[in-house]
N, C-alpha and C. Protein backbone atom coordinates (compact mmCIF):
# COMPACT_ATOMS: atom_id res chain seq x y z
N GLN A 1 -74.21 62.03 -83.95
CA GLN A 1 -73.15 62.85 -84.55
C GLN A 1 -72.33 63.51 -83.45
N VAL A 2 -71.02 63.43 -83.57
CA VAL A 2 -70.13 63.99 -82.59
C VAL A 2 -69.78 65.43 -82.98
N GLN A 3 -69.90 66.33 -82.00
CA GLN A 3 -69.51 67.72 -82.23
C GLN A 3 -68.63 68.19 -81.08
N LEU A 4 -67.62 68.98 -81.43
CA LEU A 4 -66.75 69.60 -80.46
C LEU A 4 -66.78 71.11 -80.71
N VAL A 5 -67.05 71.87 -79.68
CA VAL A 5 -67.15 73.32 -79.82
C VAL A 5 -66.20 73.98 -78.83
N GLU A 6 -65.22 74.68 -79.37
CA GLU A 6 -64.26 75.40 -78.53
C GLU A 6 -64.76 76.81 -78.25
N SER A 7 -64.37 77.33 -77.09
CA SER A 7 -64.68 78.72 -76.73
C SER A 7 -63.67 79.22 -75.73
N GLY A 8 -63.69 80.53 -75.48
CA GLY A 8 -62.84 81.11 -74.45
C GLY A 8 -61.61 81.84 -74.95
N GLY A 9 -61.42 81.85 -76.25
CA GLY A 9 -60.25 82.55 -76.79
C GLY A 9 -60.43 84.06 -76.76
N GLY A 10 -59.39 84.75 -77.19
CA GLY A 10 -59.48 86.20 -77.23
C GLY A 10 -58.12 86.86 -77.35
N LEU A 11 -58.12 88.17 -77.22
CA LEU A 11 -56.89 88.97 -77.28
C LEU A 11 -56.50 89.35 -75.86
N VAL A 12 -55.29 88.97 -75.46
CA VAL A 12 -54.80 89.27 -74.12
C VAL A 12 -53.36 89.77 -74.23
N GLN A 13 -52.86 90.25 -73.10
CA GLN A 13 -51.48 90.70 -73.04
C GLN A 13 -50.60 89.60 -72.44
N ALA A 14 -49.32 89.69 -72.74
CA ALA A 14 -48.38 88.74 -72.18
C ALA A 14 -48.48 88.73 -70.65
N GLY A 15 -48.47 87.53 -70.09
CA GLY A 15 -48.60 87.38 -68.65
C GLY A 15 -50.02 87.12 -68.18
N ASP A 16 -50.99 87.37 -69.05
CA ASP A 16 -52.39 87.14 -68.69
C ASP A 16 -52.74 85.65 -68.74
N SER A 17 -53.97 85.35 -68.36
CA SER A 17 -54.48 83.99 -68.37
C SER A 17 -55.76 83.91 -69.19
N LEU A 18 -56.00 82.73 -69.73
CA LEU A 18 -57.25 82.42 -70.41
C LEU A 18 -57.61 80.98 -70.09
N ARG A 19 -58.90 80.68 -70.16
CA ARG A 19 -59.35 79.30 -70.04
C ARG A 19 -60.17 78.95 -71.27
N LEU A 20 -59.69 77.98 -72.01
CA LEU A 20 -60.42 77.48 -73.16
C LEU A 20 -61.33 76.33 -72.75
N SER A 21 -62.45 76.22 -73.43
CA SER A 21 -63.39 75.13 -73.19
C SER A 21 -63.61 74.36 -74.48
N CYS A 22 -63.80 73.07 -74.34
CA CYS A 22 -64.15 72.20 -75.47
C CYS A 22 -65.38 71.40 -75.03
N LYS A 23 -66.52 71.83 -75.52
CA LYS A 23 -67.79 71.18 -75.17
C LYS A 23 -68.09 70.11 -76.20
N ALA A 24 -68.26 68.87 -75.73
CA ALA A 24 -68.51 67.75 -76.62
C ALA A 24 -69.96 67.33 -76.56
N SER A 25 -70.45 66.85 -77.69
CA SER A 25 -71.77 66.24 -77.74
C SER A 25 -71.68 65.02 -78.65
N GLY A 26 -72.44 64.01 -78.32
CA GLY A 26 -72.45 62.80 -79.12
C GLY A 26 -71.44 61.74 -78.69
N ARG A 27 -70.54 62.11 -77.80
CA ARG A 27 -69.56 61.16 -77.25
C ARG A 27 -69.05 61.72 -75.94
N SER A 28 -68.80 60.80 -75.00
CA SER A 28 -68.34 61.22 -73.68
C SER A 28 -66.86 61.53 -73.68
N VAL A 29 -66.48 62.67 -73.08
CA VAL A 29 -65.07 63.03 -73.00
C VAL A 29 -64.31 62.13 -72.04
N SER A 30 -65.04 61.38 -71.21
CA SER A 30 -64.38 60.49 -70.27
C SER A 30 -64.18 59.09 -70.85
N SER A 31 -64.71 58.86 -72.04
CA SER A 31 -64.62 57.52 -72.64
C SER A 31 -63.30 57.30 -73.37
N GLU A 32 -62.66 58.38 -73.78
CA GLU A 32 -61.38 58.29 -74.47
C GLU A 32 -60.66 59.63 -74.34
N GLY A 33 -59.46 59.69 -74.79
CA GLY A 33 -58.66 60.89 -74.60
C GLY A 33 -59.15 62.07 -75.42
N VAL A 34 -58.95 63.26 -74.88
CA VAL A 34 -59.22 64.51 -75.60
C VAL A 34 -57.92 65.30 -75.62
N THR A 35 -57.60 65.80 -76.77
CA THR A 35 -56.32 66.47 -76.99
C THR A 35 -56.53 67.89 -77.47
N TRP A 36 -55.70 68.80 -76.97
CA TRP A 36 -55.65 70.16 -77.49
C TRP A 36 -54.42 70.28 -78.40
N TYR A 37 -54.63 70.87 -79.55
CA TYR A 37 -53.56 71.22 -80.48
C TYR A 37 -53.63 72.72 -80.75
N ARG A 38 -52.58 73.24 -81.34
CA ARG A 38 -52.62 74.63 -81.77
C ARG A 38 -51.85 74.79 -83.07
N GLN A 39 -52.27 75.80 -83.80
CA GLN A 39 -51.62 76.08 -85.09
C GLN A 39 -51.38 77.57 -85.19
N ALA A 40 -50.11 77.94 -85.18
CA ALA A 40 -49.73 79.34 -85.33
C ALA A 40 -49.72 79.71 -86.82
N PRO A 41 -49.83 80.99 -87.13
CA PRO A 41 -49.83 81.42 -88.53
C PRO A 41 -48.61 80.93 -89.28
N GLY A 42 -48.85 80.25 -90.40
CA GLY A 42 -47.76 79.77 -91.23
C GLY A 42 -47.03 78.55 -90.70
N LYS A 43 -47.56 77.94 -89.66
CA LYS A 43 -46.89 76.78 -89.07
C LYS A 43 -47.83 75.59 -89.01
N GLU A 44 -47.24 74.43 -88.72
CA GLU A 44 -48.04 73.21 -88.64
C GLU A 44 -48.79 73.14 -87.31
N ARG A 45 -49.83 72.33 -87.30
CA ARG A 45 -50.57 72.09 -86.08
C ARG A 45 -49.72 71.22 -85.15
N VAL A 46 -49.63 71.62 -83.88
CA VAL A 46 -48.79 70.89 -82.94
C VAL A 46 -49.55 70.53 -81.68
N PHE A 47 -49.07 69.53 -81.03
CA PHE A 47 -49.66 69.03 -79.79
C PHE A 47 -49.46 70.02 -78.65
N VAL A 48 -50.51 70.20 -77.83
CA VAL A 48 -50.41 71.05 -76.66
C VAL A 48 -50.56 70.23 -75.38
N ALA A 49 -51.67 69.49 -75.28
CA ALA A 49 -51.93 68.73 -74.06
C ALA A 49 -52.98 67.69 -74.34
N VAL A 50 -52.97 66.62 -73.54
CA VAL A 50 -53.97 65.56 -73.66
C VAL A 50 -54.40 65.11 -72.26
N ILE A 51 -55.66 64.73 -72.15
CA ILE A 51 -56.15 64.08 -70.95
C ILE A 51 -56.74 62.75 -71.36
N GLY A 52 -56.21 61.68 -70.80
CA GLY A 52 -56.65 60.34 -71.15
C GLY A 52 -57.95 59.97 -70.45
N HIS A 53 -58.51 58.82 -70.86
CA HIS A 53 -59.80 58.42 -70.31
C HIS A 53 -59.71 58.12 -68.81
N LEU A 54 -58.52 57.80 -68.33
CA LEU A 54 -58.34 57.58 -66.90
C LEU A 54 -57.96 58.87 -66.16
N GLY A 55 -57.84 59.96 -66.91
CA GLY A 55 -57.52 61.24 -66.29
C GLY A 55 -56.06 61.60 -66.29
N THR A 56 -55.23 60.76 -66.83
CA THR A 56 -53.81 61.09 -66.90
C THR A 56 -53.59 62.22 -67.92
N THR A 57 -52.60 63.03 -67.67
CA THR A 57 -52.36 64.19 -68.52
C THR A 57 -50.92 64.22 -69.03
N LEU A 58 -50.75 64.87 -70.14
CA LEU A 58 -49.43 65.01 -70.76
C LEU A 58 -49.41 66.36 -71.47
N TYR A 59 -48.24 67.03 -71.43
CA TYR A 59 -48.14 68.37 -71.99
C TYR A 59 -46.96 68.49 -72.95
N GLY A 60 -47.11 69.38 -73.91
CA GLY A 60 -45.99 69.72 -74.76
C GLY A 60 -44.96 70.51 -73.96
N ASP A 61 -43.72 70.41 -74.36
CA ASP A 61 -42.64 71.04 -73.60
C ASP A 61 -42.82 72.56 -73.48
N SER A 62 -43.36 73.18 -74.51
CA SER A 62 -43.45 74.64 -74.52
C SER A 62 -44.51 75.18 -73.57
N VAL A 63 -45.42 74.33 -73.11
CA VAL A 63 -46.51 74.80 -72.24
C VAL A 63 -46.44 74.18 -70.85
N LYS A 64 -45.54 73.24 -70.66
CA LYS A 64 -45.43 72.54 -69.38
C LYS A 64 -45.18 73.54 -68.25
N GLY A 65 -45.98 73.42 -67.18
CA GLY A 65 -45.84 74.32 -66.05
C GLY A 65 -46.69 75.57 -66.14
N ARG A 66 -47.23 75.84 -67.34
CA ARG A 66 -48.07 77.04 -67.52
C ARG A 66 -49.52 76.69 -67.85
N PHE A 67 -49.72 75.58 -68.56
CA PHE A 67 -51.06 75.16 -68.98
C PHE A 67 -51.50 73.95 -68.16
N THR A 68 -52.81 73.87 -67.94
CA THR A 68 -53.38 72.73 -67.23
C THR A 68 -54.63 72.27 -67.97
N ILE A 69 -54.67 70.98 -68.29
CA ILE A 69 -55.85 70.40 -68.94
C ILE A 69 -56.67 69.68 -67.88
N SER A 70 -57.98 69.81 -67.99
CA SER A 70 -58.88 69.14 -67.04
C SER A 70 -60.20 68.87 -67.74
N ARG A 71 -61.07 68.16 -67.06
CA ARG A 71 -62.38 67.89 -67.67
C ARG A 71 -63.45 67.85 -66.59
N ASP A 72 -64.66 68.12 -67.05
CA ASP A 72 -65.85 68.04 -66.20
C ASP A 72 -66.78 67.02 -66.84
N ASN A 73 -66.85 65.85 -66.26
CA ASN A 73 -67.68 64.78 -66.85
C ASN A 73 -69.16 65.15 -66.84
N ALA A 74 -69.58 65.91 -65.86
CA ALA A 74 -71.00 66.26 -65.74
C ALA A 74 -71.47 67.12 -66.92
N THR A 75 -70.59 67.99 -67.39
CA THR A 75 -70.95 68.87 -68.51
C THR A 75 -70.31 68.41 -69.83
N ASN A 76 -69.57 67.31 -69.76
CA ASN A 76 -68.91 66.76 -70.96
C ASN A 76 -68.01 67.79 -71.63
N THR A 77 -67.22 68.45 -70.82
CA THR A 77 -66.37 69.55 -71.28
C THR A 77 -64.93 69.33 -70.83
N VAL A 78 -64.01 69.63 -71.72
CA VAL A 78 -62.59 69.63 -71.39
C VAL A 78 -62.09 71.07 -71.42
N TYR A 79 -61.27 71.40 -70.44
CA TYR A 79 -60.76 72.76 -70.31
C TYR A 79 -59.24 72.80 -70.53
N LEU A 80 -58.78 73.96 -70.94
CA LEU A 80 -57.34 74.22 -71.00
C LEU A 80 -57.10 75.56 -70.32
N GLN A 81 -56.60 75.50 -69.10
CA GLN A 81 -56.25 76.71 -68.36
C GLN A 81 -54.86 77.14 -68.78
N MET A 82 -54.74 78.36 -69.27
CA MET A 82 -53.48 78.85 -69.79
C MET A 82 -53.05 80.06 -68.97
N ASN A 83 -51.96 79.92 -68.27
CA ASN A 83 -51.43 80.99 -67.42
C ASN A 83 -50.11 81.51 -67.99
N ASN A 84 -49.76 82.72 -67.56
CA ASN A 84 -48.51 83.33 -68.00
C ASN A 84 -48.34 83.23 -69.51
N LEU A 85 -49.35 83.68 -70.22
CA LEU A 85 -49.32 83.56 -71.68
C LEU A 85 -48.21 84.40 -72.28
N LYS A 86 -47.66 83.89 -73.38
CA LYS A 86 -46.58 84.54 -74.09
C LYS A 86 -46.99 84.81 -75.53
N PRO A 87 -46.37 85.77 -76.19
CA PRO A 87 -46.73 86.03 -77.59
C PRO A 87 -46.60 84.79 -78.47
N GLU A 88 -45.67 83.90 -78.15
CA GLU A 88 -45.51 82.69 -78.95
C GLU A 88 -46.64 81.68 -78.73
N ASP A 89 -47.54 81.94 -77.79
CA ASP A 89 -48.73 81.10 -77.62
C ASP A 89 -49.83 81.49 -78.59
N THR A 90 -49.64 82.58 -79.33
CA THR A 90 -50.64 83.01 -80.30
C THR A 90 -50.86 81.93 -81.35
N ALA A 91 -52.11 81.52 -81.50
CA ALA A 91 -52.44 80.42 -82.41
C ALA A 91 -53.95 80.20 -82.39
N ILE A 92 -54.39 79.38 -83.32
CA ILE A 92 -55.74 78.83 -83.24
C ILE A 92 -55.63 77.51 -82.49
N TYR A 93 -56.45 77.36 -81.47
CA TYR A 93 -56.43 76.17 -80.63
C TYR A 93 -57.61 75.27 -81.00
N TYR A 94 -57.30 73.99 -81.19
CA TYR A 94 -58.30 73.00 -81.59
C TYR A 94 -58.37 71.90 -80.55
N CYS A 95 -59.58 71.39 -80.32
CA CYS A 95 -59.67 70.17 -79.52
C CYS A 95 -60.02 69.00 -80.43
N ASN A 96 -59.56 67.84 -80.01
CA ASN A 96 -59.68 66.63 -80.82
C ASN A 96 -60.11 65.47 -79.94
N LEU A 97 -61.06 64.70 -80.42
CA LEU A 97 -61.51 63.48 -79.76
C LEU A 97 -61.63 62.43 -80.86
N ASN A 98 -60.75 61.43 -80.77
CA ASN A 98 -60.73 60.38 -81.80
C ASN A 98 -60.52 61.04 -83.17
N MET A 99 -61.43 60.85 -84.09
CA MET A 99 -61.28 61.41 -85.43
C MET A 99 -61.97 62.76 -85.57
N TYR A 100 -62.52 63.27 -84.49
CA TYR A 100 -63.33 64.48 -84.55
C TYR A 100 -62.54 65.72 -84.08
N TRP A 101 -62.79 66.83 -84.77
CA TRP A 101 -62.12 68.09 -84.48
C TRP A 101 -63.15 69.21 -84.32
N GLY A 102 -62.84 70.14 -83.43
CA GLY A 102 -63.62 71.35 -83.39
C GLY A 102 -63.14 72.32 -84.46
N GLU A 103 -63.82 73.45 -84.56
CA GLU A 103 -63.46 74.43 -85.58
C GLU A 103 -62.33 75.35 -85.14
N GLY A 104 -62.01 75.31 -83.87
CA GLY A 104 -60.89 76.09 -83.37
C GLY A 104 -61.31 77.42 -82.76
N VAL A 105 -60.43 77.93 -81.91
CA VAL A 105 -60.66 79.23 -81.26
C VAL A 105 -59.33 79.98 -81.26
N LEU A 106 -59.40 81.27 -81.55
CA LEU A 106 -58.19 82.07 -81.67
C LEU A 106 -57.74 82.62 -80.33
N VAL A 107 -56.47 82.44 -80.05
CA VAL A 107 -55.82 83.06 -78.91
C VAL A 107 -54.74 83.99 -79.45
N ASN A 108 -54.80 85.26 -79.09
CA ASN A 108 -53.86 86.25 -79.59
C ASN A 108 -53.22 86.95 -78.39
N VAL A 109 -51.92 86.75 -78.21
CA VAL A 109 -51.22 87.30 -77.06
C VAL A 109 -50.29 88.41 -77.54
N SER A 110 -50.53 89.61 -77.06
CA SER A 110 -49.70 90.74 -77.45
C SER A 110 -48.58 90.95 -76.43
N SER A 111 -47.49 91.49 -76.91
CA SER A 111 -46.33 91.71 -76.03
C SER A 111 -46.40 93.04 -75.33
């Protein structure tokens, strides 16, 4: 059974940083791509960043230059380093691997 568990969210001020973690079990994060999405209150879930099985990365326009996705194969974990956070980054962040989703973690950025 594949499980994805997100952690690292919280309440921060604009300009602060957070690092989200997505710990996978039951499937290797290096075997296929892992994607971060986010869903703000009252809005649709949108793409944030992806790391492919070869390690290539891609970012949504709104986070490019501020967020960095990476992975640790030894711990089977994918990270999302978020710098210079803005109030518009407030959302529940989800990680996705193939058809599997985590339950999400809340990031709340105050102005």
